[in-house]
Amino acid sequence: MREYYMVIERDQAGWYVGNIPGLPGCHTQGRTMEELTVRMREAIELYLEDHTGVILPVSEFIGVHRVAVL
C-alpha cells in the first residue's frame, strides 16, 4: 500500500479541491471531505494505471507555509 499527501483547498463555490503534489496533474474535487477522499483515491488509482512502467519523481512532503504579502 502506498500513501500520498493531498493538498486541500476550498473554492469560492464551497467545493473541496484536492491535488497530489507527488503526482503531477492528479487532482479532483468534492462537495464534502468524504466525497473528496473517495474521488481522490479513484483519481490516484487511475493516474497510476495510466503511468504504469513510468518512473515517477519521488518528492518529500515538507508542509504548508502561509506567506503574507501586502
Protein backbone atom coordinates (compact mmCIF):
# COMPACT_ATOMS: atom_id res chain seq x y z
CA MET A 1 0.00 0.00 0.00
CA ARG A 2 1.30 3.45 -0.93
CA GLU A 3 0.44 6.69 0.81
CA TYR A 4 0.25 10.13 -0.77
CA TYR A 5 -0.20 13.60 0.69
CA MET A 6 -3.21 15.52 -0.56
CA VAL A 7 -3.26 19.32 -0.51
CA ILE A 8 -6.82 20.58 0.02
CA GLU A 9 -8.35 23.98 -0.68
CA ARG A 10 -11.94 25.21 -0.75
CA ASP A 11 -13.03 27.15 -3.83
CA GLN A 12 -15.43 30.11 -3.96
CA ALA A 13 -18.40 27.80 -4.54
CA GLY A 14 -17.61 25.80 -1.40
CA TRP A 15 -16.18 22.72 -3.15
CA TYR A 16 -13.15 20.98 -1.64
CA VAL A 17 -10.37 20.74 -4.23
CA GLY A 18 -7.51 18.33 -3.70
CA ASN A 19 -4.28 17.62 -5.52
CA ILE A 20 -1.39 15.24 -5.02
CA PRO A 21 1.90 17.14 -5.28
CA GLY A 22 3.87 13.94 -5.93
CA LEU A 23 1.66 13.04 -8.92
CA PRO A 24 1.63 15.99 -11.34
CA GLY A 25 -1.85 16.62 -12.73
CA CYS A 26 -3.60 14.34 -10.22
CA HIS A 27 -6.45 16.37 -8.76
CA THR A 28 -10.19 16.23 -8.13
CA GLN A 29 -12.96 17.90 -6.15
CA GLY A 30 -15.88 17.01 -3.88
CA ARG A 31 -18.73 18.66 -2.03
CA THR A 32 -17.61 17.10 1.28
CA MET A 33 -14.28 15.91 2.63
CA GLU A 34 -15.57 12.34 2.48
CA GLU A 35 -16.54 12.71 -1.18
CA LEU A 36 -13.19 14.34 -1.95
CA THR A 37 -11.32 11.46 -0.31
CA VAL A 38 -13.25 8.81 -2.26
CA ARG A 39 -12.74 10.68 -5.52
CA MET A 40 -9.06 11.22 -4.80
CA ARG A 41 -8.50 7.50 -4.22
CA GLU A 42 -10.10 6.87 -7.62
CA ALA A 43 -8.02 9.62 -9.25
CA ILE A 44 -4.79 8.19 -7.81
CA GLU A 45 -5.66 4.67 -8.97
CA LEU A 46 -6.41 5.93 -12.49
CA TYR A 47 -3.26 8.04 -12.53
CA LEU A 48 -1.10 5.08 -11.54
CA GLU A 49 -2.79 2.82 -14.13
CA ASP A 50 -2.09 5.41 -16.83
CA HIS A 51 1.55 5.72 -15.74
CA THR A 52 2.36 2.00 -15.47
CA GLY A 53 6.06 1.48 -16.07
CA VAL A 54 6.81 5.19 -15.78
CA ILE A 55 9.27 6.13 -13.08
CA LEU A 56 7.54 8.88 -11.14
CA PRO A 57 9.59 11.53 -9.38
CA VAL A 58 9.96 10.98 -5.66
CA SER A 59 9.27 14.04 -3.57
CA GLU A 60 9.20 14.54 0.17
CA PHE A 61 6.25 16.46 1.61
CA ILE A 62 7.60 19.14 3.93
CA GLY A 63 4.48 21.09 4.87
CA VAL A 64 2.37 24.11 4.12
CA HIS A 65 3.52 27.61 4.95
CA ARG A 66 1.42 30.77 4.80
CA VAL A 67 3.13 33.80 3.25
CA ALA A 68 1.67 37.29 3.76
CA VAL A 69 2.01 39.89 1.01
CA LEU A 70 0.82 43.49 1.14
